[in-house]
């Protein structure tokens, strides 16, 4: 199976980036560990905005990545209605490193 993903990723690169999100991969283990899908989906608002909505709002905002990474790690006030973002510990995801927060935010911003 890993070989299939490697072949598909190589084919995607050769095609000039078509399907780039697949080639770069969803950080599934981090999404599960941090319980992101309890409130978010990729394309439809649920309890919180979709990842696509977040990307559309913040993709071109200077320093948005650092702000979102901090919010993932430490929590923060509501920007999309009444529900605040809980901290990583508050979500039950345990500690979230700066590197892992960066991986998640960069993935979201590519949506």
PDB file of N, CA and C in Angstrom:
ATOM      1  N   UNK A   1       0.826  -1.192   0.000  1.00  0.00           N
ATOM      2  CA  UNK A   1       0.000   0.000   0.000  1.00  0.00           C
ATOM      3  C   UNK A   1       0.870   1.254   0.000  1.00  0.00           C
ATOM      4  N   UNK A   2       1.940   1.260   0.793  1.00  0.00           N
ATOM      5  CA  UNK A   2       2.827   2.425   0.811  1.00  0.00           C
ATOM      6  C   UNK A   2       3.395   2.696  -0.575  1.00  0.00           C
ATOM      7  N   UNK A   3       3.718   1.593  -1.288  1.00  0.00           N
ATOM      8  CA  UNK A   3       4.257   1.737  -2.635  1.00  0.00           C
ATOM      9  C   UNK A   3       3.237   2.441  -3.533  1.00  0.00           C
ATOM     10  N   UNK A   4       1.967   2.095  -3.402  1.00  0.00           N
ATOM     11  CA  UNK A   4       0.916   2.729  -4.205  1.00  0.00           C
ATOM     12  C   UNK A   4       0.866   4.226  -3.939  1.00  0.00           C
ATOM     13  N   UNK A   5       0.942   4.638  -2.675  1.00  0.00           N
ATOM     14  CA  UNK A   5       0.914   6.061  -2.347  1.00  0.00           C
ATOM     15  C   UNK A   5       2.150   6.769  -2.902  1.00  0.00           C
ATOM     16  N   UNK A   6       3.304   6.104  -2.831  1.00  0.00           N
ATOM     17  CA  UNK A   6       4.522   6.693  -3.368  1.00  0.00           C
ATOM     18  C   UNK A   6       4.393   6.894  -4.881  1.00  0.00           C
ATOM     19  N   UNK A   7       3.854   5.878  -5.571  1.00  0.00           N
ATOM     20  CA  UNK A   7       3.662   5.976  -7.024  1.00  0.00           C
ATOM     21  C   UNK A   7       2.682   7.089  -7.352  1.00  0.00           C
ATOM     22  N   UNK A   8       1.577   7.167  -6.628  1.00  0.00           N
ATOM     23  CA  UNK A   8       0.589   8.222  -6.882  1.00  0.00           C
ATOM     24  C   UNK A   8       1.173   9.595  -6.596  1.00  0.00           C
ATOM     25  N   UNK A   9       1.952   9.719  -5.534  1.00  0.00           N
ATOM     26  CA  UNK A   9       2.585  11.002  -5.227  1.00  0.00           C
ATOM     27  C   UNK A   9       3.566  11.412  -6.311  1.00  0.00           C
ATOM     28  N   UNK A  10       4.342  10.446  -6.826  1.00  0.00           N
ATOM     29  CA  UNK A  10       5.280  10.741  -7.904  1.00  0.00           C
ATOM     30  C   UNK A  10       4.535  11.144  -9.159  1.00  0.00           C
ATOM     31  N   UNK A  11       3.459  10.429  -9.487  1.00  0.00           N
ATOM     32  CA  UNK A  11       2.660  10.772 -10.662  1.00  0.00           C
ATOM     33  C   UNK A  11       2.079  12.168 -10.527  1.00  0.00           C
ATOM     34  N   UNK A  12       1.639  12.501  -9.325  1.00  0.00           N
ATOM     35  CA  UNK A  12       1.088  13.834  -9.092  1.00  0.00           C
ATOM     36  C   UNK A  12       2.147  14.906  -9.326  1.00  0.00           C
ATOM     37  N   UNK A  13       3.348  14.658  -8.847  1.00  0.00           N
ATOM     38  CA  UNK A  13       4.433  15.609  -9.053  1.00  0.00           C
ATOM     39  C   UNK A  13       4.719  15.774 -10.540  1.00  0.00           C
ATOM     40  N   UNK A  14       4.750  14.682 -11.277  1.00  0.00           N
ATOM     41  CA  UNK A  14       5.015  14.738 -12.705  1.00  0.00           C
ATOM     42  C   UNK A  14       3.911  15.452 -13.476  1.00  0.00           C
ATOM     43  N   UNK A  15       2.713  15.427 -12.951  1.00  0.00           N
ATOM     44  CA  UNK A  15       1.592  16.096 -13.605  1.00  0.00           C
ATOM     45  C   UNK A  15       1.527  17.578 -13.260  1.00  0.00           C
ATOM     46  N   UNK A  16       2.517  18.080 -12.581  1.00  0.00           N
ATOM     47  CA  UNK A  16       2.575  19.512 -12.309  1.00  0.00           C
ATOM     48  C   UNK A  16       1.765  19.944 -11.112  1.00  0.00           C
ATOM     49  N   UNK A  17       1.577  19.059 -10.139  1.00  0.00           N
ATOM     50  CA  UNK A  17       0.913  19.457  -8.908  1.00  0.00           C
ATOM     51  C   UNK A  17      -0.572  19.178  -8.884  1.00  0.00           C
ATOM     52  N   UNK A  18      -1.132  18.583  -9.913  1.00  0.00           N
ATOM     53  CA  UNK A  18      -2.549  18.237  -9.892  1.00  0.00           C
ATOM     54  C   UNK A  18      -2.771  17.268  -8.747  1.00  0.00           C
ATOM     55  N   UNK A  19      -3.747  17.545  -7.907  1.00  0.00           N
ATOM     56  CA  UNK A  19      -4.009  16.693  -6.754  1.00  0.00           C
ATOM     57  C   UNK A  19      -2.988  16.868  -5.650  1.00  0.00           C
ATOM     58  N   UNK A  20      -2.443  18.042  -5.537  1.00  0.00           N
ATOM     59  CA  UNK A  20      -1.361  18.333  -4.606  1.00  0.00           C
ATOM     60  C   UNK A  20      -1.728  17.971  -3.165  1.00  0.00           C
ATOM     61  N   UNK A  21      -2.955  18.199  -2.754  1.00  0.00           N
ATOM     62  CA  UNK A  21      -3.345  17.914  -1.372  1.00  0.00           C
ATOM     63  C   UNK A  21      -3.163  16.441  -1.064  1.00  0.00           C
ATOM     64  N   UNK A  22      -3.471  15.565  -2.031  1.00  0.00           N
ATOM     65  CA  UNK A  22      -3.290  14.138  -1.804  1.00  0.00           C
ATOM     66  C   UNK A  22      -1.808  13.802  -1.701  1.00  0.00           C
ATOM     67  N   UNK A  23      -1.005  14.384  -2.599  1.00  0.00           N
ATOM     68  CA  UNK A  23       0.418  14.086  -2.609  1.00  0.00           C
ATOM     69  C   UNK A  23       1.082  14.512  -1.306  1.00  0.00           C
ATOM     70  N   UNK A  24       0.679  15.638  -0.759  1.00  0.00           N
ATOM     71  CA  UNK A  24       1.276  16.124   0.481  1.00  0.00           C
ATOM     72  C   UNK A  24       0.720  15.395   1.682  1.00  0.00           C
ATOM     73  N   UNK A  25      -0.433  14.797   1.544  1.00  0.00           N
ATOM     74  CA  UNK A  25      -0.978  13.940   2.569  1.00  0.00           C
ATOM     75  C   UNK A  25      -1.703  14.650   3.690  1.00  0.00           C
ATOM     76  N   UNK A  26      -2.765  14.039   4.101  1.00  0.00           N
ATOM     77  CA  UNK A  26      -3.533  14.507   5.251  1.00  0.00           C
ATOM     78  C   UNK A  26      -2.837  13.998   6.503  1.00  0.00           C
ATOM     79  N   UNK A  27      -2.626  14.851   7.477  1.00  0.00           N
ATOM     80  CA  UNK A  27      -1.975  14.402   8.719  1.00  0.00           C
ATOM     81  C   UNK A  27      -2.976  13.663   9.605  1.00  0.00           C
ATOM     82  N   UNK A  28      -3.433  12.529   9.120  1.00  0.00           N
ATOM     83  CA  UNK A  28      -4.525  11.784   9.746  1.00  0.00           C
ATOM     84  C   UNK A  28      -4.282  11.497  11.217  1.00  0.00           C
ATOM     85  N   UNK A  29      -3.092  11.040  11.554  1.00  0.00           N
ATOM     86  CA  UNK A  29      -2.808  10.698  12.955  1.00  0.00           C
ATOM     87  C   UNK A  29      -2.940  11.927  13.858  1.00  0.00           C
ATOM     88  N   UNK A  30      -2.436  13.072  13.402  1.00  0.00           N
ATOM     89  CA  UNK A  30      -2.556  14.301  14.207  1.00  0.00           C
ATOM     90  C   UNK A  30      -4.006  14.759  14.294  1.00  0.00           C
ATOM     91  N   UNK A  31      -4.728  14.685  13.185  1.00  0.00           N
ATOM     92  CA  UNK A  31      -6.140  15.077  13.197  1.00  0.00           C
ATOM     93  C   UNK A  31      -6.921  14.223  14.192  1.00  0.00           C
ATOM     94  N   UNK A  32      -6.622  12.924  14.210  1.00  0.00           N
ATOM     95  CA  UNK A  32      -7.287  12.019  15.148  1.00  0.00           C
ATOM     96  C   UNK A  32      -6.858  12.297  16.583  1.00  0.00           C
ATOM     97  N   UNK A  33      -5.547  12.429  16.806  1.00  0.00           N
ATOM     98  CA  UNK A  33      -5.030  12.660  18.155  1.00  0.00           C
ATOM     99  C   UNK A  33      -5.613  13.936  18.751  1.00  0.00           C
ATOM    100  N   UNK A  34      -5.699  14.981  17.945  1.00  0.00           N
ATOM    101  CA  UNK A  34      -6.165  16.274  18.436  1.00  0.00           C
ATOM    102  C   UNK A  34      -7.688  16.427  18.361  1.00  0.00           C
ATOM    103  N   UNK A  35      -8.354  15.395  17.885  1.00  0.00           N
ATOM    104  CA  UNK A  35      -9.820  15.354  17.832  1.00  0.00           C
ATOM    105  C   UNK A  35     -10.411  16.500  17.007  1.00  0.00           C
ATOM    106  N   UNK A  36      -9.719  16.863  15.945  1.00  0.00           N
ATOM    107  CA  UNK A  36     -10.145  17.976  15.092  1.00  0.00           C
ATOM    108  C   UNK A  36     -11.522  17.739  14.484  1.00  0.00           C
ATOM    109  N   UNK A  37     -11.768  16.493  14.088  1.00  0.00           N
ATOM    110  CA  UNK A  37     -13.014  16.182  13.393  1.00  0.00           C
ATOM    111  C   UNK A  37     -14.225  16.122  14.333  1.00  0.00           C
ATOM    112  N   UNK A  38     -14.012  16.313  15.624  1.00  0.00           N
ATOM    113  CA  UNK A  38     -15.147  16.407  16.539  1.00  0.00           C
ATOM    114  C   UNK A  38     -15.937  17.679  16.261  1.00  0.00           C
ATOM    115  N   UNK A  39     -15.261  18.709  15.756  1.00  0.00           N
ATOM    116  CA  UNK A  39     -15.917  19.993  15.510  1.00  0.00           C
ATOM    117  C   UNK A  39     -15.807  20.470  14.058  1.00  0.00           C
ATOM    118  N   UNK A  40     -14.794  20.017  13.325  1.00  0.00           N
ATOM    119  CA  UNK A  40     -14.540  20.487  11.969  1.00  0.00           C
ATOM    120  C   UNK A  40     -14.722  19.371  10.954  1.00  0.00           C
ATOM    121  N   UNK A  41     -15.008  19.746   9.720  1.00  0.00           N
ATOM    122  CA  UNK A  41     -14.918  18.852   8.572  1.00  0.00           C
ATOM    123  C   UNK A  41     -14.085  19.586   7.525  1.00  0.00           C
ATOM    124  N   UNK A  42     -13.753  18.907   6.458  1.00  0.00           N
ATOM    125  CA  UNK A  42     -12.953  19.545   5.421  1.00  0.00           C
ATOM    126  C   UNK A  42     -13.752  20.616   4.701  1.00  0.00           C
ATOM    127  N   UNK A  43     -15.015  20.308   4.357  1.00  0.00           N
ATOM    128  CA  UNK A  43     -15.725  21.208   3.441  1.00  0.00           C
ATOM    129  C   UNK A  43     -17.086  21.724   3.889  1.00  0.00           C
ATOM    130  N   UNK A  44     -17.556  21.332   5.051  1.00  0.00           N
ATOM    131  CA  UNK A  44     -18.887  21.745   5.495  1.00  0.00           C
ATOM    132  C   UNK A  44     -18.838  22.214   6.945  1.00  0.00           C
ATOM    133  N   UNK A  45     -19.404  23.371   7.247  1.00  0.00           N
ATOM    134  CA  UNK A  45     -19.444  23.789   8.656  1.00  0.00           C
ATOM    135  C   UNK A  45     -20.192  22.741   9.492  1.00  0.00           C
ATOM    136  N   UNK A  46     -19.682  22.495  10.674  1.00  0.00           N
ATOM    137  CA  UNK A  46     -20.317  21.535  11.579  1.00  0.00           C
ATOM    138  C   UNK A  46     -20.506  22.264  12.899  1.00  0.00           C
ATOM    139  N   UNK A  47     -19.809  21.928  13.917  1.00  0.00           N
ATOM    140  CA  UNK A  47     -19.842  22.688  15.168  1.00  0.00           C
ATOM    141  C   UNK A  47     -18.960  23.921  15.069  1.00  0.00           C
ATOM    142  N   UNK A  48     -18.022  23.870  14.152  1.00  0.00           N
ATOM    143  CA  UNK A  48     -17.067  24.947  13.917  1.00  0.00           C
ATOM    144  C   UNK A  48     -16.909  25.089  12.407  1.00  0.00           C
ATOM    145  N   UNK A  49     -16.205  26.096  11.936  1.00  0.00           N
ATOM    146  CA  UNK A  49     -16.059  26.273  10.492  1.00  0.00           C
ATOM    147  C   UNK A  49     -15.300  25.104   9.863  1.00  0.00           C
ATOM    148  N   UNK A  50     -15.548  24.881   8.581  1.00  0.00           N
ATOM    149  CA  UNK A  50     -14.815  23.848   7.856  1.00  0.00           C
ATOM    150  C   UNK A  50     -13.372  24.292   7.661  1.00  0.00           C
ATOM    151  N   UNK A  51     -12.518  23.344   7.368  1.00  0.00           N
ATOM    152  CA  UNK A  51     -11.125  23.677   7.086  1.00  0.00           C
ATOM    153  C   UNK A  51     -11.030  24.566   5.847  1.00  0.00           C
ATOM    154  N   UNK A  52     -11.904  24.355   4.879  1.00  0.00           N
ATOM    155  CA  UNK A  52     -11.900  25.206   3.693  1.00  0.00           C
ATOM    156  C   UNK A  52     -12.265  26.648   4.045  1.00  0.00           C
ATOM    157  N   UNK A  53     -13.214  26.839   4.940  1.00  0.00           N
ATOM    158  CA  UNK A  53     -13.571  28.192   5.370  1.00  0.00           C
ATOM    159  C   UNK A  53     -12.404  28.861   6.103  1.00  0.00           C
ATOM    160  N   UNK A  54     -11.748  28.095   6.955  1.00  0.00           N
ATOM    161  CA  UNK A  54     -10.602  28.641   7.686  1.00  0.00           C
ATOM    162  C   UNK A  54      -9.512  29.042   6.697  1.00  0.00           C
ATOM    163  N   UNK A  55      -9.244  28.179   5.740  1.00  0.00           N
ATOM    164  CA  UNK A  55      -8.220  28.469   4.731  1.00  0.00           C
ATOM    165  C   UNK A  55      -8.582  29.717   3.937  1.00  0.00           C
ATOM    166  N   UNK A  56      -9.830  29.826   3.532  1.00  0.00           N
ATOM    167  CA  UNK A  56     -10.253  30.985   2.742  1.00  0.00           C
ATOM    168  C   UNK A  56     -10.083  32.282   3.538  1.00  0.00           C
ATOM    169  N   UNK A  57     -10.361  32.237   4.827  1.00  0.00           N
ATOM    170  CA  UNK A  57     -10.254  33.445   5.649  1.00  0.00           C
ATOM    171  C   UNK A  57      -8.807  33.827   5.939  1.00  0.00           C
ATOM    172  N   UNK A  58      -7.953  32.842   6.194  1.00  0.00           N
ATOM    173  CA  UNK A  58      -6.619  33.137   6.723  1.00  0.00           C
ATOM    174  C   UNK A  58      -5.455  32.894   5.767  1.00  0.00           C
ATOM    175  N   UNK A  59      -5.695  32.257   4.649  1.00  0.00           N
ATOM    176  CA  UNK A  59      -4.603  31.858   3.750  1.00  0.00           C
ATOM    177  C   UNK A  59      -3.657  33.003   3.411  1.00  0.00           C
ATOM    178  N   UNK A  60      -4.188  34.193   3.175  1.00  0.00           N
ATOM    179  CA  UNK A  60      -3.367  35.326   2.748  1.00  0.00           C
ATOM    180  C   UNK A  60      -3.184  36.398   3.832  1.00  0.00           C
ATOM    181  N   UNK A  61      -3.515  36.064   5.055  1.00  0.00           N
ATOM    182  CA  UNK A  61      -3.376  37.009   6.162  1.00  0.00           C
ATOM    183  C   UNK A  61      -1.979  36.874   6.750  1.00  0.00           C
ATOM    184  N   UNK A  62      -1.216  37.979   6.786  1.00  0.00           N
ATOM    185  CA  UNK A  62       0.129  37.915   7.367  1.00  0.00           C
ATOM    186  C   UNK A  62       0.065  37.414   8.820  1.00  0.00           C
ATOM    187  N   UNK A  63       0.981  36.553   9.167  1.00  0.00           N
ATOM    188  CA  UNK A  63       1.118  36.003  10.523  1.00  0.00           C
ATOM    189  C   UNK A  63      -0.058  35.128  10.973  1.00  0.00           C
ATOM    190  N   UNK A  64      -0.955  34.794  10.056  1.00  0.00           N
ATOM    191  CA  UNK A  64      -2.095  33.953  10.431  1.00  0.00           C
ATOM    192  C   UNK A  64      -1.635  32.575  10.874  1.00  0.00           C
ATOM    193  N   UNK A  65      -0.615  32.058  10.235  1.00  0.00           N
ATOM    194  CA  UNK A  65      -0.131  30.726  10.583  1.00  0.00           C
ATOM    195  C   UNK A  65       0.296  30.673  12.052  1.00  0.00           C
ATOM    196  N   UNK A  66       1.073  31.635  12.482  1.00  0.00           N
ATOM    197  CA  UNK A  66       1.524  31.668  13.880  1.00  0.00           C
ATOM    198  C   UNK A  66       0.344  31.814  14.831  1.00  0.00           C
ATOM    199  N   UNK A  67      -0.618  32.668  14.483  1.00  0.00           N
ATOM    200  CA  UNK A  67      -1.802  32.855  15.331  1.00  0.00           C
ATOM    201  C   UNK A  67      -2.589  31.548  15.444  1.00  0.00           C
ATOM    202  N   UNK A  68      -2.816  30.878  14.309  1.00  0.00           N
ATOM    203  CA  UNK A  68      -3.585  29.634  14.309  1.00  0.00           C
ATOM    204  C   UNK A  68      -2.843  28.518  15.045  1.00  0.00           C
ATOM    205  N   UNK A  69      -1.543  28.466  14.890  1.00  0.00           N
ATOM    206  CA  UNK A  69      -0.754  27.458  15.612  1.00  0.00           C
ATOM    207  C   UNK A  69      -0.878  27.667  17.119  1.00  0.00           C
ATOM    208  N   UNK A  70      -0.790  28.899  17.556  1.00  0.00           N
ATOM    209  CA  UNK A  70      -0.956  29.192  18.976  1.00  0.00           C
ATOM    210  C   UNK A  70      -2.346  28.831  19.461  1.00  0.00           C
ATOM    211  N   UNK A  71      -3.332  29.118  18.646  1.00  0.00           N
ATOM    212  CA  UNK A  71      -4.717  28.809  19.012  1.00  0.00           C
ATOM    213  C   UNK A  71      -4.926  27.298  19.129  1.00  0.00           C
ATOM    214  N   UNK A  72      -4.303  26.541  18.247  1.00  0.00           N
ATOM    215  CA  UNK A  72      -4.393  25.082  18.333  1.00  0.00           C
ATOM    216  C   UNK A  72      -3.780  24.565  19.626  1.00  0.00           C
ATOM    217  N   UNK A  73      -2.662  25.134  19.995  1.00  0.00           N
ATOM    218  CA  UNK A  73      -1.946  24.660  21.179  1.00  0.00           C
ATOM    219  C   UNK A  73      -2.588  25.140  22.479  1.00  0.00           C
ATOM    220  N   UNK A  74      -2.946  26.432  22.527  1.00  0.00           N
ATOM    221  CA  UNK A  74      -3.361  27.044  23.791  1.00  0.00           C
ATOM    222  C   UNK A  74      -4.840  27.364  23.895  1.00  0.00           C
ATOM    223  N   UNK A  75      -5.559  27.244  22.779  1.00  0.00           N
ATOM    224  CA  UNK A  75      -6.961  27.626  22.748  1.00  0.00           C
ATOM    225  C   UNK A  75      -7.084  29.114  22.474  1.00  0.00           C
ATOM    226  N   UNK A  76      -8.295  29.582  22.359  1.00  0.00           N
ATOM    227  CA  UNK A  76      -8.478  31.002  22.091  1.00  0.00           C
ATOM    228  C   UNK A  76      -9.938  31.369  21.980  1.00  0.00           C
ATOM    229  N   UNK A  77     -10.168  32.671  21.947  1.00  0.00           N
ATOM    230  CA  UNK A  77     -11.541  33.165  21.916  1.00  0.00           C
ATOM    231  C   UNK A  77     -12.219  32.818  20.591  1.00  0.00           C
ATOM    232  N   UNK A  78     -13.520  32.885  20.595  1.00  0.00           N
ATOM    233  CA  UNK A  78     -14.318  32.560  19.413  1.00  0.00           C
ATOM    234  C   UNK A  78     -14.123  33.605  18.326  1.00  0.00           C
ATOM    235  N   UNK A  79     -13.883  33.158  17.119  1.00  0.00           N
ATOM    236  CA  UNK A  79     -13.795  34.033  15.952  1.00  0.00           C
ATOM    237  C   UNK A  79     -14.929  33.751  14.983  1.00  0.00           C
ATOM    238  N   UNK A  80     -15.657  32.652  15.209  1.00  0.00           N
ATOM    239  CA  UNK A  80     -16.677  32.175  14.269  1.00  0.00           C
ATOM    240  C   UNK A  80     -17.991  31.913  15.007  1.00  0.00           C
ATOM    241  N   UNK A  81     -18.417  32.768  15.818  1.00  0.00           N
ATOM    242  CA  UNK A  81     -19.647  32.504  16.561  1.00  0.00           C
ATOM    243  C   UNK A  81     -19.359  32.443  18.041  1.00  0.00           C
ATOM    244  N   UNK A  82     -20.080  31.579  18.738  1.00  0.00           N
ATOM    245  CA  UNK A  82     -20.015  31.548  20.195  1.00  0.00           C
ATOM    246  C   UNK A  82     -19.013  30.566  20.782  1.00  0.00           C
ATOM    247  N   UNK A  83     -18.568  29.591  20.008  1.00  0.00           N
ATOM    248  CA  UNK A  83     -17.722  28.551  20.582  1.00  0.00           C
ATOM    249  C   UNK A  83     -16.238  28.915  20.462  1.00  0.00           C
ATOM    250  N   UNK A  84     -15.568  28.946  21.597  1.00  0.00           N
ATOM    251  CA  UNK A  84     -14.123  29.209  21.625  1.00  0.00           C
ATOM    252  C   UNK A  84     -13.373  27.929  21.282  1.00  0.00           C
ATOM    253  N   UNK A  85     -12.159  28.077  20.806  1.00  0.00           N
ATOM    254  CA  UNK A  85     -11.301  26.931  20.504  1.00  0.00           C
ATOM    255  C   UNK A  85     -10.668  26.457  21.797  1.00  0.00           C
ATOM    256  N   UNK A  86     -10.934  25.209  22.204  1.00  0.00           N
ATOM    257  CA  UNK A  86     -10.294  24.708  23.421  1.00  0.00           C
ATOM    258  C   UNK A  86      -8.812  24.441  23.183  1.00  0.00           C
ATOM    259  N   UNK A  87      -8.046  24.442  24.250  1.00  0.00           N
ATOM    260  CA  UNK A  87      -6.624  24.106  24.149  1.00  0.00           C
ATOM    261  C   UNK A  87      -6.486  22.638  23.752  1.00  0.00           C
ATOM    262  N   UNK A  88      -5.273  22.244  23.373  1.00  0.00           N
ATOM    263  CA  UNK A  88      -5.027  20.838  23.019  1.00  0.00           C
ATOM    264  C   UNK A  88      -5.407  19.931  24.195  1.00  0.00           C
ATOM    265  N   UNK A  89      -5.014  20.323  25.394  1.00  0.00           N
ATOM    266  CA  UNK A  89      -5.355  19.521  26.580  1.00  0.00           C
ATOM    267  C   UNK A  89      -6.869  19.524  26.810  1.00  0.00           C
ATOM    268  N   UNK A  90      -7.515  20.663  26.573  1.00  0.00           N
ATOM    269  CA  UNK A  90      -8.958  20.771  26.741  1.00  0.00           C
ATOM    270  C   UNK A  90      -9.743  19.929  25.754  1.00  0.00           C
ATOM    271  N   UNK A  91      -9.160  19.654  24.598  1.00  0.00           N
ATOM    272  CA  UNK A  91      -9.792  18.791  23.595  1.00  0.00           C
ATOM    273  C   UNK A  91      -9.549  17.324  23.910  1.00  0.00           C
ATOM    274  N   UNK A  92      -8.655  17.072  24.865  1.00  0.00           N
ATOM    275  CA  UNK A  92      -8.306  15.688  25.181  1.00  0.00           C
ATOM    276  C   UNK A  92      -7.217  15.149  24.276  1.00  0.00           C
ATOM    277  N   UNK A  93      -6.564  16.042  23.530  1.00  0.00           N
ATOM    278  CA  UNK A  93      -5.530  15.613  22.605  1.00  0.00           C
ATOM    279  C   UNK A  93      -4.148  15.564  23.205  1.00  0.00           C
ATOM    280  N   UNK A  94      -4.015  15.921  24.463  1.00  0.00           N
ATOM    281  CA  UNK A  94      -2.689  15.953  25.077  1.00  0.00           C
ATOM    282  C   UNK A  94      -1.910  17.159  24.600  1.00  0.00           C
ATOM    283  N   UNK A  95      -0.632  17.186  24.913  1.00  0.00           N
ATOM    284  CA  UNK A  95       0.217  18.297  24.503  1.00  0.00           C
ATOM    285  C   UNK A  95       0.392  18.281  22.989  1.00  0.00           C
ATOM    286  N   UNK A  96       0.439  19.453  22.399  1.00  0.00           N
ATOM    287  CA  UNK A  96       0.651  19.587  20.962  1.00  0.00           C
ATOM    288  C   UNK A  96       1.912  20.411  20.762  1.00  0.00           C
ATOM    289  N   UNK A  97       2.912  19.816  20.140  1.00  0.00           N
ATOM    290  CA  UNK A  97       4.166  20.522  19.920  1.00  0.00           C
ATOM    291  C   UNK A  97       3.981  21.628  18.889  1.00  0.00           C
ATOM    292  N   UNK A  98       4.909  22.560  18.889  1.00  0.00           N
ATOM    293  CA  UNK A  98       4.892  23.628  17.885  1.00  0.00           C
ATOM    294  C   UNK A  98       5.009  23.040  16.486  1.00  0.00           C
ATOM    295  N   UNK A  99       5.848  22.040  16.314  1.00  0.00           N
ATOM    296  CA  UNK A  99       6.017  21.420  15.004  1.00  0.00           C
ATOM    297  C   UNK A  99       4.732  20.751  14.530  1.00  0.00           C
ATOM    298  N   UNK A 100       4.061  20.023  15.421  1.00  0.00           N
ATOM    299  CA  UNK A 100       2.806  19.370  15.036  1.00  0.00           C
ATOM    300  C   UNK A 100       1.715  20.393  14.756  1.00  0.00           C
ATOM    301  N   UNK A 101       1.670  21.454  15.537  1.00  0.00           N
ATOM    302  CA  UNK A 101       0.692  22.523  15.269  1.00  0.00           C
ATOM    303  C   UNK A 101       0.956  23.130  13.899  1.00  0.00           C
ATOM    304  N   UNK A 102       2.217  23.314  13.563  1.00  0.00           N
ATOM    305  CA  UNK A 102       2.587  23.869  12.258  1.00  0.00           C
ATOM    306  C   UNK A 102       2.125  22.948  11.128  1.00  0.00           C
ATOM    307  N   UNK A 103       2.339  21.653  11.283  1.00  0.00           N
ATOM    308  CA  UNK A 103       1.902  20.672  10.275  1.00  0.00           C
ATOM    309  C   UNK A 103       0.398  20.771  10.073  1.00  0.00           C
ATOM    310  N   UNK A 104      -0.352  20.805  11.148  1.00  0.00           N
ATOM    311  CA  UNK A 104      -1.821  20.885  11.039  1.00  0.00           C
ATOM    312  C   UNK A 104      -2.263  22.183  10.366  1.00  0.00           C
ATOM    313  N   UNK A 105      -1.726  23.291  10.789  1.00  0.00           N
ATOM    314  CA  UNK A 105      -2.143  24.591  10.234  1.00  0.00           C
ATOM    315  C   UNK A 105      -1.784  24.680   8.755  1.00  0.00           C
ATOM    316  N   UNK A 106      -0.596  24.226   8.379  1.00  0.00           N
ATOM    317  CA  UNK A 106      -0.227  24.291   6.971  1.00  0.00           C
ATOM    318  C   UNK A 106      -1.140  23.414   6.118  1.00  0.00           C
ATOM    319  N   UNK A 107      -1.523  22.269   6.648  1.00  0.00           N
ATOM    320  CA  UNK A 107      -2.459  21.399   5.927  1.00  0.00           C
ATOM    321  C   UNK A 107      -3.818  22.100   5.763  1.00  0.00           C
ATOM    322  N   UNK A 108      -4.316  22.688   6.841  1.00  0.00           N
ATOM    323  CA  UNK A 108      -5.599  23.393   6.767  1.00  0.00           C
ATOM    324  C   UNK A 108      -5.529  24.525   5.748  1.00  0.00           C
ATOM    325  N   UNK A 109      -4.469  25.292   5.766  1.00  0.00           N
ATOM    326  CA  UNK A 109      -4.365  26.437   4.856  1.00  0.00           C
ATOM    327  C   UNK A 109      -4.234  26.021   3.393  1.00  0.00           C
ATOM    328  N   UNK A 110      -3.909  24.756   3.124  1.00  0.00           N
ATOM    329  CA  UNK A 110      -3.869  24.267   1.744  1.00  0.00           C
ATOM    330  C   UNK A 110      -5.235  23.809   1.232  1.00  0.00           C
ATOM    331  N   UNK A 111      -6.227  23.803   2.101  1.00  0.00           N
ATOM    332  CA  UNK A 111      -7.548  23.314   1.671  1.00  0.00           C
ATOM    333  C   UNK A 111      -8.226  24.291   0.732  1.00  0.00           C
TER     334      UNK A 111
END
